[in-house]
Amino acid sequence: MFKVLIAEDEMLVRLGLKNSIAWENYEMTVIADAVNGLEAWLLYQELQPDLVLTDLNMPIMHGMELISKIREHDQKTRIVILTC
């Protein structure tokens, strides 16, 4: 089962992603969601997800900084960038 972390500051988008996709049909599970890049980074370190869905424009730490930190630590985690 692939572990998914969602990093999105917009509550409706975050909840929509989390609840409107039948993750189990794709052998995935959402293990956590974060409201900013710093929270996502801390969750990433703790939970080691296989996939990170991240917004670019978030408070405290933006998505590109989050991606850079993840890549410094790990080249295998898959990352999908979301932005409006």
Protein backbone atom coordinates (compact mmCIF):
# COMPACT_ATOMS: atom_id res chain seq x y z
CA MET A 1 0.00 0.00 0.00
CA PHE A 2 1.46 3.37 -1.06
CA LYS A 3 1.43 6.01 1.68
CA VAL A 4 0.27 9.48 0.58
CA LEU A 5 0.86 12.85 2.24
CA ILE A 6 -1.22 15.85 1.10
CA ALA A 7 0.20 19.35 1.66
CA GLU A 8 -2.38 22.02 0.82
CA ASP A 9 -3.31 25.18 2.71
CA GLU A 10 -6.81 25.47 1.24
CA MET A 11 -9.07 23.36 3.45
CA LEU A 12 -11.67 22.56 0.77
CA VAL A 13 -9.03 21.44 -1.72
CA ARG A 14 -7.26 19.35 0.92
CA LEU A 15 -10.49 17.67 2.04
CA GLY A 16 -11.60 17.24 -1.56
CA LEU A 17 -8.41 15.43 -2.49
CA LYS A 18 -8.54 13.32 0.62
CA ASN A 19 -12.20 12.31 0.33
CA SER A 20 -13.13 12.35 -3.37
CA ILE A 21 -10.52 9.88 -4.57
CA ALA A 22 -10.98 6.17 -3.91
CA TRP A 23 -7.36 5.80 -2.81
CA GLU A 24 -7.74 2.13 -1.95
CA ASN A 25 -8.62 1.38 -5.59
CA TYR A 26 -5.07 2.46 -6.45
CA GLU A 27 -3.49 0.62 -3.52
CA MET A 28 -2.88 3.94 -1.73
CA THR A 29 -3.84 5.40 1.61
CA VAL A 30 -3.68 9.01 2.80
CA ILE A 31 -1.62 8.83 5.98
CA ALA A 32 -1.67 12.57 6.76
CA ASP A 33 -2.50 16.01 5.47
CA ALA A 34 -0.75 19.30 6.24
CA VAL A 35 -1.84 22.94 6.08
CA ASN A 36 1.63 24.32 5.29
CA GLY A 37 5.03 23.24 4.06
CA LEU A 38 6.66 23.12 7.48
CA GLU A 39 3.98 20.82 8.85
CA ALA A 40 4.31 18.67 5.72
CA TRP A 41 8.10 18.47 6.18
CA LEU A 42 7.74 17.36 9.80
CA LEU A 43 5.13 14.76 8.82
CA TYR A 44 7.30 13.60 5.93
CA GLN A 45 10.24 12.97 8.28
CA GLU A 46 8.06 11.06 10.71
CA LEU A 47 5.92 9.02 8.31
CA GLN A 48 8.12 8.56 5.21
CA PRO A 49 5.32 8.67 2.58
CA ASP A 50 5.77 7.18 -0.88
CA LEU A 51 3.88 10.04 -2.56
CA VAL A 52 3.59 13.72 -1.64
CA LEU A 53 0.89 15.90 -3.21
CA THR A 54 1.91 19.50 -2.57
CA ASP A 55 0.66 22.95 -3.37
CA LEU A 56 3.28 25.53 -4.38
CA ASN A 57 1.85 28.54 -2.56
CA MET A 58 1.55 27.75 1.14
CA PRO A 59 2.34 29.72 4.28
CA ILE A 60 5.46 29.25 6.41
CA MET A 61 7.23 27.03 3.83
CA HIS A 62 6.24 27.01 0.17
CA GLY A 63 6.03 23.89 -1.95
CA MET A 64 9.34 24.32 -3.79
CA GLU A 65 11.21 24.54 -0.49
CA LEU A 66 9.40 21.41 0.71
CA ILE A 67 10.35 19.60 -2.49
CA SER A 68 14.00 20.66 -2.10
CA LYS A 69 14.11 19.36 1.47
CA ILE A 70 12.54 16.07 0.44
CA ARG A 71 15.00 15.67 -2.44
CA GLU A 72 17.98 16.37 -0.16
CA HIS A 73 16.77 13.49 2.00
CA ASP A 74 15.31 11.09 -0.58
CA GLN A 75 15.26 10.73 -4.36
CA LYS A 76 12.62 7.96 -4.44
CA THR A 77 9.58 9.71 -2.99
CA ARG A 78 7.21 10.64 -5.78
CA ILE A 79 5.98 14.23 -5.80
CA VAL A 80 2.95 15.73 -7.53
CA ILE A 81 2.68 19.53 -7.61
CA LEU A 82 -0.75 21.11 -7.29
CA THR A 83 -1.38 24.80 -7.82
CA CYS A 84 -4.27 27.04 -8.67
